[in-house]
Amino acid sequence: MNENVCHIADKAIRIVIGLALLSLLLTDSPYKWWGLIGIVPLATVALKFCPAYALLGLSTCPKEKKTE
């Protein structure tokens, strides 16, 4: 499992979205359980791996320079 979530902006956006979704758990809305989806973006930041990025071949990590 290679890291593909490295850029600070990518991590910050995922944290904000994850916390916003988790905040739904504190409401009396009938949709409050959808807030559990907020665990996914927070987990991708913690693991530094996003399965969707892997499927699409994307990465926000800098390219490693090969040395000979």
PDB file of N, CA and C in Angstrom:
ATOM      1  N   MET A   1       0.849  -1.167   0.000  1.00  0.00           N
ATOM      2  CA  MET A   1       0.000   0.000   0.000  1.00  0.00           C
ATOM      3  C   MET A   1       0.901   1.238   0.000  1.00  0.00           C
ATOM      4  N   ASN A   2       0.981   1.905  -1.127  1.00  0.00           N
ATOM      5  CA  ASN A   2       1.797   3.107  -1.252  1.00  0.00           C
ATOM      6  C   ASN A   2       1.029   4.325  -0.798  1.00  0.00           C
ATOM      7  N   GLU A   3       1.736   5.273  -0.211  1.00  0.00           N
ATOM      8  CA  GLU A   3       1.100   6.527   0.189  1.00  0.00           C
ATOM      9  C   GLU A   3       0.697   7.305  -1.057  1.00  0.00           C
ATOM     10  N   ASN A   4      -0.509   7.868  -1.042  1.00  0.00           N
ATOM     11  CA  ASN A   4      -0.933   8.700  -2.156  1.00  0.00           C
ATOM     12  C   ASN A   4      -1.658   9.963  -1.686  1.00  0.00           C
ATOM     13  N   VAL A   5      -1.667  10.205  -0.384  1.00  0.00           N
ATOM     14  CA  VAL A   5      -2.248  11.421   0.180  1.00  0.00           C
ATOM     15  C   VAL A   5      -1.152  12.099   1.003  1.00  0.00           C
ATOM     16  N   CYS A   6      -0.472  13.075   0.408  1.00  0.00           N
ATOM     17  CA  CYS A   6       0.649  13.714   1.083  1.00  0.00           C
ATOM     18  C   CYS A   6       0.532  15.231   1.167  1.00  0.00           C
ATOM     19  N   HIS A   7      -0.108  15.848   0.214  1.00  0.00           N
ATOM     20  CA  HIS A   7      -0.142  17.310   0.144  1.00  0.00           C
ATOM     21  C   HIS A   7      -0.952  17.879   1.306  1.00  0.00           C
ATOM     22  N   ILE A   8      -0.442  18.949   1.910  1.00  0.00           N
ATOM     23  CA  ILE A   8      -1.069  19.533   3.091  1.00  0.00           C
ATOM     24  C   ILE A   8      -2.486  20.026   2.801  1.00  0.00           C
ATOM     25  N   ALA A   9      -2.725  20.586   1.628  1.00  0.00           N
ATOM     26  CA  ALA A   9      -4.072  21.063   1.281  1.00  0.00           C
ATOM     27  C   ALA A   9      -5.039  19.890   1.153  1.00  0.00           C
ATOM     28  N   ASP A  10      -4.591  18.802   0.571  1.00  0.00           N
ATOM     29  CA  ASP A  10      -5.421  17.604   0.426  1.00  0.00           C
ATOM     30  C   ASP A  10      -5.816  17.082   1.805  1.00  0.00           C
ATOM     31  N   LYS A  11      -4.850  17.021   2.706  1.00  0.00           N
ATOM     32  CA  LYS A  11      -5.126  16.542   4.060  1.00  0.00           C
ATOM     33  C   LYS A  11      -6.081  17.480   4.789  1.00  0.00           C
ATOM     34  N   ALA A  12      -5.863  18.781   4.654  1.00  0.00           N
ATOM     35  CA  ALA A  12      -6.706  19.757   5.349  1.00  0.00           C
ATOM     36  C   ALA A  12      -8.153  19.671   4.877  1.00  0.00           C
ATOM     37  N   ILE A  13      -8.347  19.539   3.573  1.00  0.00           N
ATOM     38  CA  ILE A  13      -9.698  19.434   3.018  1.00  0.00           C
ATOM     39  C   ILE A  13     -10.379  18.173   3.528  1.00  0.00           C
ATOM     40  N   ARG A  14      -9.650  17.077   3.568  1.00  0.00           N
ATOM     41  CA  ARG A  14     -10.226  15.818   4.057  1.00  0.00           C
ATOM     42  C   ARG A  14     -10.593  15.906   5.535  1.00  0.00           C
ATOM     43  N   ILE A  15      -9.759  16.583   6.325  1.00  0.00           N
ATOM     44  CA  ILE A  15     -10.055  16.736   7.751  1.00  0.00           C
ATOM     45  C   ILE A  15     -11.294  17.587   7.954  1.00  0.00           C
ATOM     46  N   VAL A  16     -11.395  18.695   7.231  1.00  0.00           N
ATOM     47  CA  VAL A  16     -12.555  19.580   7.367  1.00  0.00           C
ATOM     48  C   VAL A  16     -13.836  18.850   6.953  1.00  0.00           C
ATOM     49  N   ILE A  17     -13.796  18.156   5.832  1.00  0.00           N
ATOM     50  CA  ILE A  17     -14.985  17.421   5.371  1.00  0.00           C
ATOM     51  C   ILE A  17     -15.349  16.316   6.357  1.00  0.00           C
ATOM     52  N   GLY A  18     -14.351  15.593   6.835  1.00  0.00           N
ATOM     53  CA  GLY A  18     -14.610  14.514   7.791  1.00  0.00           C
ATOM     54  C   GLY A  18     -15.241  15.020   9.077  1.00  0.00           C
ATOM     55  N   LEU A  19     -14.704  16.109   9.615  1.00  0.00           N
ATOM     56  CA  LEU A  19     -15.264  16.666  10.850  1.00  0.00           C
ATOM     57  C   LEU A  19     -16.654  17.246  10.620  1.00  0.00           C
ATOM     58  N   ALA A  20     -16.862  17.856   9.457  1.00  0.00           N
ATOM     59  CA  ALA A  20     -18.193  18.405   9.143  1.00  0.00           C
ATOM     60  C   ALA A  20     -19.223  17.277   9.074  1.00  0.00           C
ATOM     61  N   LEU A  21     -18.859  16.183   8.433  1.00  0.00           N
ATOM     62  CA  LEU A  21     -19.795  15.057   8.353  1.00  0.00           C
ATOM     63  C   LEU A  21     -20.038  14.440   9.732  1.00  0.00           C
ATOM     64  N   LEU A  22     -18.981  14.300  10.527  1.00  0.00           N
ATOM     65  CA  LEU A  22     -19.155  13.747  11.868  1.00  0.00           C
ATOM     66  C   LEU A  22     -20.028  14.644  12.743  1.00  0.00           C
ATOM     67  N   SER A  23     -20.024  15.939  12.472  1.00  0.00           N
ATOM     68  CA  SER A  23     -20.858  16.845  13.264  1.00  0.00           C
ATOM     69  C   SER A  23     -22.346  16.567  13.059  1.00  0.00           C
ATOM     70  N   LEU A  24     -22.695  15.899  11.970  1.00  0.00           N
ATOM     71  CA  LEU A  24     -24.100  15.523  11.757  1.00  0.00           C
ATOM     72  C   LEU A  24     -24.603  14.588  12.857  1.00  0.00           C
ATOM     73  N   LEU A  25     -23.689  13.860  13.484  1.00  0.00           N
ATOM     74  CA  LEU A  25     -24.083  12.947  14.559  1.00  0.00           C
ATOM     75  C   LEU A  25     -24.632  13.702  15.763  1.00  0.00           C
ATOM     76  N   LEU A  26     -24.291  14.968  15.886  1.00  0.00           N
ATOM     77  CA  LEU A  26     -24.734  15.767  17.033  1.00  0.00           C
ATOM     78  C   LEU A  26     -26.077  16.451  16.809  1.00  0.00           C
ATOM     79  N   THR A  27     -26.654  16.278  15.639  1.00  0.00           N
ATOM     80  CA  THR A  27     -27.922  16.925  15.320  1.00  0.00           C
ATOM     81  C   THR A  27     -29.087  15.976  15.578  1.00  0.00           C
ATOM     82  N   ASP A  28     -30.282  16.515  15.524  1.00  0.00           N
ATOM     83  CA  ASP A  28     -31.496  15.702  15.647  1.00  0.00           C
ATOM     84  C   ASP A  28     -32.106  15.399  14.284  1.00  0.00           C
ATOM     85  N   SER A  29     -31.318  15.574  13.248  1.00  0.00           N
ATOM     86  CA  SER A  29     -31.772  15.348  11.889  1.00  0.00           C
ATOM     87  C   SER A  29     -31.972  13.852  11.644  1.00  0.00           C
ATOM     88  N   PRO A  30     -32.919  13.503  10.770  1.00  0.00           N
ATOM     89  CA  PRO A  30     -33.069  12.086  10.420  1.00  0.00           C
ATOM     90  C   PRO A  30     -31.870  11.559   9.627  1.00  0.00           C
ATOM     91  N   TYR A  31     -31.031  12.464   9.153  1.00  0.00           N
ATOM     92  CA  TYR A  31     -29.849  12.077   8.377  1.00  0.00           C
ATOM     93  C   TYR A  31     -28.587  12.013   9.229  1.00  0.00           C
ATOM     94  N   LYS A  32     -28.730  12.053  10.532  1.00  0.00           N
ATOM     95  CA  LYS A  32     -27.549  12.158  11.382  1.00  0.00           C
ATOM     96  C   LYS A  32     -26.605  10.962  11.241  1.00  0.00           C
ATOM     97  N   TRP A  33     -27.118   9.794  10.941  1.00  0.00           N
ATOM     98  CA  TRP A  33     -26.251   8.616  10.823  1.00  0.00           C
ATOM     99  C   TRP A  33     -25.382   8.653   9.574  1.00  0.00           C
ATOM    100  N   TRP A  34     -25.731   9.533   8.619  1.00  0.00           N
ATOM    101  CA  TRP A  34     -24.868   9.732   7.466  1.00  0.00           C
ATOM    102  C   TRP A  34     -23.546  10.349   7.897  1.00  0.00           C
ATOM    103  N   GLY A  35     -23.533  10.917   9.076  1.00  0.00           N
ATOM    104  CA  GLY A  35     -22.319  11.511   9.611  1.00  0.00           C
ATOM    105  C   GLY A  35     -21.195  10.509   9.806  1.00  0.00           C
ATOM    106  N   LEU A  36     -21.536   9.243   9.919  1.00  0.00           N
ATOM    107  CA  LEU A  36     -20.499   8.209  10.063  1.00  0.00           C
ATOM    108  C   LEU A  36     -19.599   8.116   8.835  1.00  0.00           C
ATOM    109  N   ILE A  37     -20.079   8.605   7.707  1.00  0.00           N
ATOM    110  CA  ILE A  37     -19.255   8.628   6.498  1.00  0.00           C
ATOM    111  C   ILE A  37     -18.029   9.507   6.722  1.00  0.00           C
ATOM    112  N   GLY A  38     -18.102  10.420   7.680  1.00  0.00           N
ATOM    113  CA  GLY A  38     -16.976  11.289   7.995  1.00  0.00           C
ATOM    114  C   GLY A  38     -15.743  10.538   8.460  1.00  0.00           C
ATOM    115  N   ILE A  39     -15.918   9.305   8.867  1.00  0.00           N
ATOM    116  CA  ILE A  39     -14.779   8.487   9.286  1.00  0.00           C
ATOM    117  C   ILE A  39     -13.868   8.191   8.094  1.00  0.00           C
ATOM    118  N   VAL A  40     -14.436   8.073   6.909  1.00  0.00           N
ATOM    119  CA  VAL A  40     -13.659   7.708   5.720  1.00  0.00           C
ATOM    120  C   VAL A  40     -12.589   8.743   5.384  1.00  0.00           C
ATOM    121  N   PRO A  41     -12.929  10.032   5.222  1.00  0.00           N
ATOM    122  CA  PRO A  41     -11.863  10.988   4.904  1.00  0.00           C
ATOM    123  C   PRO A  41     -10.835  11.121   6.025  1.00  0.00           C
ATOM    124  N   LEU A  42     -11.264  10.986   7.275  1.00  0.00           N
ATOM    125  CA  LEU A  42     -10.304  11.046   8.377  1.00  0.00           C
ATOM    126  C   LEU A  42      -9.368   9.840   8.369  1.00  0.00           C
ATOM    127  N   ALA A  43      -9.901   8.688   7.998  1.00  0.00           N
ATOM    128  CA  ALA A  43      -9.064   7.490   7.917  1.00  0.00           C
ATOM    129  C   ALA A  43      -8.053   7.607   6.776  1.00  0.00           C
ATOM    130  N   THR A  44      -8.456   8.220   5.666  1.00  0.00           N
ATOM    131  CA  THR A  44      -7.520   8.366   4.549  1.00  0.00           C
ATOM    132  C   THR A  44      -6.369   9.290   4.916  1.00  0.00           C
ATOM    133  N   VAL A  45      -6.633  10.279   5.769  1.00  0.00           N
ATOM    134  CA  VAL A  45      -5.553  11.155   6.230  1.00  0.00           C
ATOM    135  C   VAL A  45      -4.639  10.392   7.176  1.00  0.00           C
ATOM    136  N   ALA A  46      -5.214   9.623   8.086  1.00  0.00           N
ATOM    137  CA  ALA A  46      -4.418   8.879   9.062  1.00  0.00           C
ATOM    138  C   ALA A  46      -3.557   7.811   8.388  1.00  0.00           C
ATOM    139  N   LEU A  47      -4.102   7.147   7.384  1.00  0.00           N
ATOM    140  CA  LEU A  47      -3.380   6.080   6.691  1.00  0.00           C
ATOM    141  C   LEU A  47      -2.523   6.589   5.536  1.00  0.00           C
ATOM    142  N   LYS A  48      -2.745   7.834   5.125  1.00  0.00           N
ATOM    143  CA  LYS A  48      -2.063   8.443   3.980  1.00  0.00           C
ATOM    144  C   LYS A  48      -2.305   7.647   2.699  1.00  0.00           C
ATOM    145  N   PHE A  49      -3.469   7.031   2.627  1.00  0.00           N
ATOM    146  CA  PHE A  49      -3.823   6.214   1.464  1.00  0.00           C
ATOM    147  C   PHE A  49      -5.300   6.381   1.161  1.00  0.00           C
ATOM    148  N   CYS A  50      -5.602   6.661  -0.098  1.00  0.00           N
ATOM    149  CA  CYS A  50      -6.983   6.792  -0.548  1.00  0.00           C
ATOM    150  C   CYS A  50      -7.230   5.740  -1.634  1.00  0.00           C
ATOM    151  N   PRO A  51      -8.136   4.795  -1.385  1.00  0.00           N
ATOM    152  CA  PRO A  51      -8.424   3.771  -2.392  1.00  0.00           C
ATOM    153  C   PRO A  51      -8.919   4.351  -3.715  1.00  0.00           C
ATOM    154  N   ALA A  52      -9.693   5.411  -3.670  1.00  0.00           N
ATOM    155  CA  ALA A  52     -10.185   6.031  -4.904  1.00  0.00           C
ATOM    156  C   ALA A  52      -9.025   6.597  -5.717  1.00  0.00           C
ATOM    157  N   TYR A  53      -8.068   7.243  -5.052  1.00  0.00           N
ATOM    158  CA  TYR A  53      -6.880   7.741  -5.747  1.00  0.00           C
ATOM    159  C   TYR A  53      -6.116   6.579  -6.387  1.00  0.00           C
ATOM    160  N   ALA A  54      -6.016   5.477  -5.673  1.00  0.00           N
ATOM    161  CA  ALA A  54      -5.293   4.318  -6.202  1.00  0.00           C
ATOM    162  C   ALA A  54      -5.967   3.788  -7.471  1.00  0.00           C
ATOM    163  N   LEU A  55      -7.291   3.709  -7.459  1.00  0.00           N
ATOM    164  CA  LEU A  55      -8.018   3.226  -8.636  1.00  0.00           C
ATOM    165  C   LEU A  55      -7.864   4.154  -9.827  1.00  0.00           C
ATOM    166  N   LEU A  56      -7.806   5.466  -9.545  1.00  0.00           N
ATOM    167  CA  LEU A  56      -7.692   6.451 -10.619  1.00  0.00           C
ATOM    168  C   LEU A  56      -6.242   6.766 -10.989  1.00  0.00           C
ATOM    169  N   GLY A  57      -5.299   6.206 -10.254  1.00  0.00           N
ATOM    170  CA  GLY A  57      -3.892   6.450 -10.545  1.00  0.00           C
ATOM    171  C   GLY A  57      -3.430   7.831 -10.130  1.00  0.00           C
ATOM    172  N   LEU A  58      -4.090   8.432  -9.148  1.00  0.00           N
ATOM    173  CA  LEU A  58      -3.740   9.772  -8.685  1.00  0.00           C
ATOM    174  C   LEU A  58      -2.882   9.705  -7.429  1.00  0.00           C
ATOM    175  N   SER A  59      -2.167  10.792  -7.178  1.00  0.00           N
ATOM    176  CA  SER A  59      -1.370  10.913  -5.964  1.00  0.00           C
ATOM    177  C   SER A  59      -1.030  12.376  -5.746  1.00  0.00           C
ATOM    178  N   THR A  60      -1.034  12.799  -4.491  1.00  0.00           N
ATOM    179  CA  THR A  60      -0.596  14.162  -4.186  1.00  0.00           C
ATOM    180  C   THR A  60       0.793  14.151  -3.565  1.00  0.00           C
ATOM    181  N   CYS A  61       1.436  13.001  -3.588  1.00  0.00           N
ATOM    182  CA  CYS A  61       2.793  12.890  -3.066  1.00  0.00           C
ATOM    183  C   CYS A  61       3.778  13.309  -4.148  1.00  0.00           C
ATOM    184  N   PRO A  62       4.886  13.920  -3.730  1.00  0.00           N
ATOM    185  CA  PRO A  62       5.890  14.300  -4.720  1.00  0.00           C
ATOM    186  C   PRO A  62       6.522  13.063  -5.361  1.00  0.00           C
ATOM    187  N   LYS A  63       6.866  13.214  -6.612  1.00  0.00           N
ATOM    188  CA  LYS A  63       7.521  12.113  -7.326  1.00  0.00           C
ATOM    189  C   LYS A  63       8.914  11.906  -6.771  1.00  0.00           C
ATOM    190  N   GLU A  64       9.287  10.647  -6.568  1.00  0.00           N
ATOM    191  CA  GLU A  64      10.630  10.345  -6.089  1.00  0.00           C
ATOM    192  C   GLU A  64      11.593  10.401  -7.270  1.00  0.00           C
ATOM    193  N   LYS A  65      12.713  11.069  -7.056  1.00  0.00           N
ATOM    194  CA  LYS A  65      13.726  11.118  -8.100  1.00  0.00           C
ATOM    195  C   LYS A  65      14.593   9.881  -8.009  1.00  0.00           C
ATOM    196  N   LYS A  66      14.757   9.224  -9.128  1.00  0.00           N
ATOM    197  CA  LYS A  66      15.585   8.021  -9.158  1.00  0.00           C
ATOM    198  C   LYS A  66      17.036   8.422  -9.295  1.00  0.00           C
ATOM    199  N   THR A  67      17.874   7.862  -8.452  1.00  0.00           N
ATOM    200  CA  THR A  67      19.305   8.130  -8.544  1.00  0.00           C
ATOM    201  C   THR A  67      19.989   6.875  -9.078  1.00  0.00           C
ATOM    202  N   GLU A  68      20.967   7.114  -9.870  1.00  0.00           N
ATOM    203  CA  GLU A  68      21.657   5.957 -10.474  1.00  0.00           C
ATOM    204  C   GLU A  68      22.916   5.651  -9.730  1.00  0.00           C
TER     205      GLU A  68
END
